[in-house]
Amino acid sequence: MDYAFHDDIIPYTSKNALPLRNEYFEEFLRFDPSREPHFCPTERLQGWLEARQSSLEMKTVHRETTEGVRVTVVPFLMGQRKFRVSRCRRMRWYSEKTLNYYWRYLIRLENFTDECLQLRERFWKLFSINGSLESVSGKGVVGVQPLLSVQSPVFQYHSHVQVPVPWAHMWGQFRLEKPNGTTVDVKIPVFPLCVNDFQEDHGSATTDSGDSTK
C-alpha cells in the first residue's frame, strides 16, 4: 500500500475494463461504462477502507527543504504490539511481554535541482518522553541507494518504528552524493509520534511481535 500525492495525479479517463495490472484491481474496483467515472469501488474495498481507516488516514504532514531537496514525512499509528523481551536477572534469563506503540511512516524525497543526487547514507534520532535518545545510521534506505535524477527526481518509501512510550520525536538527515563526489546533508524534519493525536479514532488493537534481546 502506497500513497499518491495530489501533485502526482494526472487526470485520466480509461475506456478499458482493465487499464492497469494489479492483483487487487478487479477485487477493489468495478468497471461500469454507463457511469462517470467508469470505475466505482466494490464492497470489499469499502469494507477494507473502513476497517483500516485510522491507520491509513493522513493526520499530519511534515516537510523540510535543504539546498533544493525536499523531504516529506507522514506518520501513521498502526496500534500497539506485544513485544517479547529477554532480560537477565540474577544470572537467570526470563522472557516478558511489553506493549510498544507501532508506528509506520512514509518518506518522500524530491530533487528540485538540475543535478543528479544519489542517497548514500541515513542518520536518524529518536527522543522519547522518558528522556532516552537513540541514534541509528546506515547505508541507503530499505536496502537501496536511490538515484534522484532530472528524469526521475522522486523517491518514496515506507518504514516503521516501535516506541515504548506514548510520546516521542524523530528527526535526522540523508546524505546525498553529487556526480563530482561531494555530498550534501539533507534534513529530515522533526515529527512527533504522539499517540493522543491518533488514538481517538484508533482504539487499542494489539498484535504480537517477535523476540528481542536487551
Protein backbone atom coordinates (compact mmCIF):
# COMPACT_ATOMS: atom_id res chain seq x y z
CA MET A 1 0.00 0.00 0.00
CA ASP A 2 1.39 3.39 -1.02
CA TYR A 3 0.16 6.97 -1.18
CA ALA A 4 -0.17 9.27 -4.19
CA PHE A 5 0.08 13.00 -3.54
CA HIS A 6 -2.29 15.29 -5.43
CA ASP A 7 0.63 16.88 -7.30
CA ASP A 8 1.42 13.48 -8.82
CA ILE A 9 -2.06 12.73 -10.12
CA ILE A 10 -2.76 13.39 -13.80
CA PRO A 11 -6.44 13.38 -14.88
CA TYR A 12 -7.02 10.28 -16.97
CA THR A 13 -10.12 8.52 -18.29
CA SER A 14 -9.84 4.94 -19.48
CA LYS A 15 -12.42 3.07 -21.55
CA ASN A 16 -10.72 -0.24 -20.91
CA ALA A 17 -12.16 -2.58 -18.30
CA LEU A 18 -8.63 -3.35 -17.05
CA PRO A 19 -6.45 -0.24 -17.59
CA LEU A 20 -3.58 -1.42 -15.40
CA ARG A 21 -2.14 -4.62 -13.99
CA ASN A 22 -2.59 -5.03 -10.27
CA GLU A 23 -3.55 -8.12 -8.32
CA TYR A 24 -6.18 -6.19 -6.35
CA PHE A 25 -7.65 -4.12 -9.17
CA GLU A 26 -10.63 -6.32 -10.01
CA GLU A 27 -11.29 -7.04 -6.33
CA PHE A 28 -11.36 -3.37 -5.35
CA LEU A 29 -12.77 -1.61 -8.45
CA ARG A 30 -15.73 -2.45 -10.69
CA PHE A 31 -15.96 -1.29 -14.32
CA ASP A 32 -19.27 0.26 -15.35
CA PRO A 33 -19.21 2.08 -18.75
CA SER A 34 -22.62 3.64 -18.05
CA ARG A 35 -21.29 5.60 -15.09
CA GLU A 36 -18.92 8.51 -14.81
CA PRO A 37 -16.27 7.83 -13.74
CA HIS A 38 -16.34 4.34 -15.21
CA PHE A 39 -14.85 2.73 -12.11
CA CYS A 40 -16.54 2.50 -8.74
CA PRO A 41 -15.38 0.86 -5.50
CA THR A 42 -16.51 -2.65 -4.68
CA GLU A 43 -18.00 -3.61 -1.33
CA ARG A 44 -14.73 -5.32 -0.48
CA LEU A 45 -12.76 -2.11 -0.99
CA GLN A 46 -15.23 -0.11 1.08
CA GLY A 47 -15.06 -2.64 3.90
CA TRP A 48 -11.26 -2.78 3.68
CA LEU A 49 -11.01 1.01 3.94
CA GLU A 50 -13.44 1.21 6.84
CA ALA A 51 -11.52 -1.42 8.80
CA ARG A 52 -8.19 0.36 8.25
CA GLN A 53 -9.25 3.99 8.09
CA SER A 54 -7.48 5.03 11.29
CA SER A 55 -4.15 3.55 10.18
CA LEU A 56 -4.42 4.87 6.60
CA GLU A 57 -5.66 8.42 7.16
CA MET A 58 -3.09 11.20 6.99
CA LYS A 59 -3.20 13.17 10.24
CA THR A 60 0.00 15.22 9.99
CA VAL A 61 2.44 16.04 7.18
CA HIS A 62 5.93 17.41 7.83
CA ARG A 63 8.27 18.93 5.24
CA GLU A 64 11.79 20.34 5.14
CA THR A 65 13.78 21.61 2.14
CA THR A 66 17.58 21.69 2.08
CA GLU A 67 19.50 23.00 -0.94
CA GLY A 68 16.72 22.16 -3.35
CA VAL A 69 15.84 18.75 -1.93
CA ARG A 70 12.54 18.40 -0.10
CA VAL A 71 11.85 15.65 2.42
CA THR A 72 8.25 14.88 3.39
CA VAL A 73 7.33 12.69 6.36
CA VAL A 74 3.86 11.33 7.15
CA PRO A 75 3.49 9.20 10.32
CA PHE A 76 0.73 6.64 10.94
CA LEU A 77 -0.13 4.93 14.21
CA MET A 78 -0.76 1.24 13.50
CA GLY A 79 -1.68 0.30 17.07
CA GLN A 80 0.15 -1.47 19.89
CA ARG A 81 2.21 -4.62 19.65
CA LYS A 82 3.11 -7.14 22.28
CA PHE A 83 6.88 -7.19 22.16
CA ARG A 84 8.70 -10.13 23.74
CA VAL A 85 11.83 -9.00 25.60
CA SER A 86 14.52 -11.24 27.08
CA ARG A 87 16.12 -9.96 30.28
CA CYS A 88 18.71 -11.21 32.71
CA ARG A 89 18.09 -11.03 36.46
CA ARG A 90 20.40 -12.64 39.00
CA MET A 91 22.02 -14.72 36.26
CA ARG A 92 18.67 -16.13 35.15
CA TRP A 93 17.16 -15.29 31.80
CA TYR A 94 13.43 -14.78 31.57
CA SER A 95 11.03 -13.52 28.94
CA GLU A 96 8.29 -10.96 29.34
CA LYS A 97 5.92 -9.14 27.01
CA THR A 98 5.65 -5.37 26.88
CA LEU A 99 3.36 -3.17 24.81
CA ASN A 100 5.03 -0.93 22.27
CA TYR A 101 3.37 1.66 20.07
CA TYR A 102 3.87 0.62 16.48
CA TRP A 103 4.37 3.48 14.01
CA ARG A 104 4.61 3.40 10.24
CA TYR A 105 5.96 6.42 8.40
CA LEU A 106 6.13 7.49 4.78
CA ILE A 107 9.26 9.22 3.49
CA ARG A 108 9.28 11.13 0.21
CA LEU A 109 12.38 12.75 -1.30
CA GLU A 110 12.09 15.26 -4.15
CA ASN A 111 15.04 16.68 -6.04
CA PHE A 112 14.25 20.15 -7.42
CA THR A 113 17.82 20.83 -8.61
CA ASP A 114 19.30 20.21 -12.06
CA GLU A 115 21.86 17.75 -10.66
CA CYS A 116 21.66 14.01 -10.16
CA LEU A 117 21.83 13.11 -6.48
CA GLN A 118 22.25 9.64 -5.00
CA LEU A 119 21.18 8.81 -1.46
CA ARG A 120 24.16 7.19 0.24
CA GLU A 121 23.50 7.28 4.00
CA ARG A 122 20.77 7.91 6.54
CA PHE A 123 21.04 9.23 10.09
CA TRP A 124 18.11 9.04 12.50
CA LYS A 125 17.48 10.23 16.06
CA LEU A 126 14.57 9.22 18.29
CA PHE A 127 13.88 11.10 21.51
CA SER A 128 11.32 9.61 23.91
CA ILE A 129 9.40 11.28 26.71
CA ASN A 130 11.28 9.13 29.24
CA GLY A 131 14.46 11.04 28.35
CA SER A 132 16.15 8.43 26.17
CA LEU A 133 17.83 9.42 22.91
CA GLU A 134 18.57 6.76 20.30
CA SER A 135 20.70 7.19 17.18
CA VAL A 136 20.56 4.95 14.11
CA SER A 137 22.58 5.21 10.90
CA GLY A 138 23.17 3.09 7.85
CA LYS A 139 23.75 2.88 4.12
CA GLY A 140 20.88 3.90 1.85
CA VAL A 141 17.25 3.22 2.74
CA VAL A 142 15.21 -0.01 2.60
CA GLY A 143 18.17 -1.81 1.04
CA VAL A 144 18.74 0.58 -1.87
CA GLN A 145 20.65 3.78 -2.65
CA PRO A 146 18.17 5.55 -4.94
CA LEU A 147 19.26 7.99 -7.64
CA LEU A 148 17.27 11.23 -7.83
CA SER A 149 17.84 12.33 -11.41
CA VAL A 150 16.31 15.08 -13.52
CA GLN A 151 14.24 12.44 -15.33
CA SER A 152 13.21 10.66 -12.12
CA PRO A 153 13.54 13.17 -9.27
CA VAL A 154 11.30 11.49 -6.67
CA PHE A 155 11.76 8.50 -4.38
CA GLN A 156 9.18 7.35 -1.85
CA TYR A 157 9.26 4.54 0.69
CA HIS A 158 7.78 3.35 3.98
CA SER A 159 9.41 2.18 7.18
CA HIS A 160 8.38 1.59 10.77
CA VAL A 161 9.48 2.03 14.37
CA GLN A 162 8.30 0.71 17.73
CA VAL A 163 8.25 3.09 20.70
CA PRO A 164 7.57 2.01 24.32
CA VAL A 165 6.13 5.40 25.35
CA PRO A 166 3.11 7.37 24.05
CA TRP A 167 5.09 10.44 23.05
CA ALA A 168 8.35 10.77 21.13
CA HIS A 169 10.05 12.76 18.37
CA MET A 170 12.06 11.63 15.36
CA TRP A 171 14.32 13.59 13.03
CA GLY A 172 17.52 13.15 11.09
CA GLN A 173 19.24 13.66 7.76
CA PHE A 174 20.04 11.96 4.48
CA ARG A 175 23.48 12.22 2.91
CA LEU A 176 23.25 12.61 -0.85
CA GLU A 177 26.19 12.41 -3.26
CA LYS A 178 26.65 14.63 -6.31
CA PRO A 179 28.26 13.42 -9.59
CA ASN A 180 31.55 15.13 -8.63
CA GLY A 181 31.75 13.14 -5.39
CA THR A 182 30.82 15.91 -2.98
CA THR A 183 27.94 15.35 -0.58
CA VAL A 184 25.06 17.35 0.83
CA ASP A 185 23.28 16.59 4.09
CA VAL A 186 19.53 16.98 3.68
CA LYS A 187 17.43 17.47 6.80
CA ILE A 188 14.60 15.14 7.75
CA PRO A 189 12.03 17.33 9.52
CA VAL A 190 11.26 16.83 13.19
CA PHE A 191 7.97 14.96 13.53
CA PRO A 192 6.11 13.91 16.68
CA LEU A 193 4.97 10.38 17.43
CA CYS A 194 2.13 11.43 19.72
CA VAL A 195 -0.45 8.77 20.46
CA ASN A 196 -3.05 11.32 21.62
CA ASP A 197 -3.17 12.80 18.11
CA PHE A 198 -4.16 9.43 16.67
CA GLN A 199 -5.71 7.31 19.40
CA GLU A 200 -9.14 8.96 19.42
CA ASP A 201 -10.05 7.10 16.25
CA HIS A 202 -7.70 4.17 16.54
CA GLY A 203 -8.80 2.09 19.51
CA SER A 204 -6.45 -0.26 21.32
CA ALA A 205 -5.78 -3.14 18.93
CA THR A 206 -2.72 -5.20 19.77
CA THR A 207 -0.68 -7.74 17.84
CA ASP A 208 2.30 -9.94 18.65
CA SER A 209 5.82 -9.12 17.56
CA GLY A 210 8.97 -11.21 17.54
CA ASP A 211 11.72 -11.72 20.10
CA SER A 212 14.27 -9.13 21.03
CA THR A 213 17.17 -9.13 23.47
CA LYS A 214 18.16 -6.12 25.56
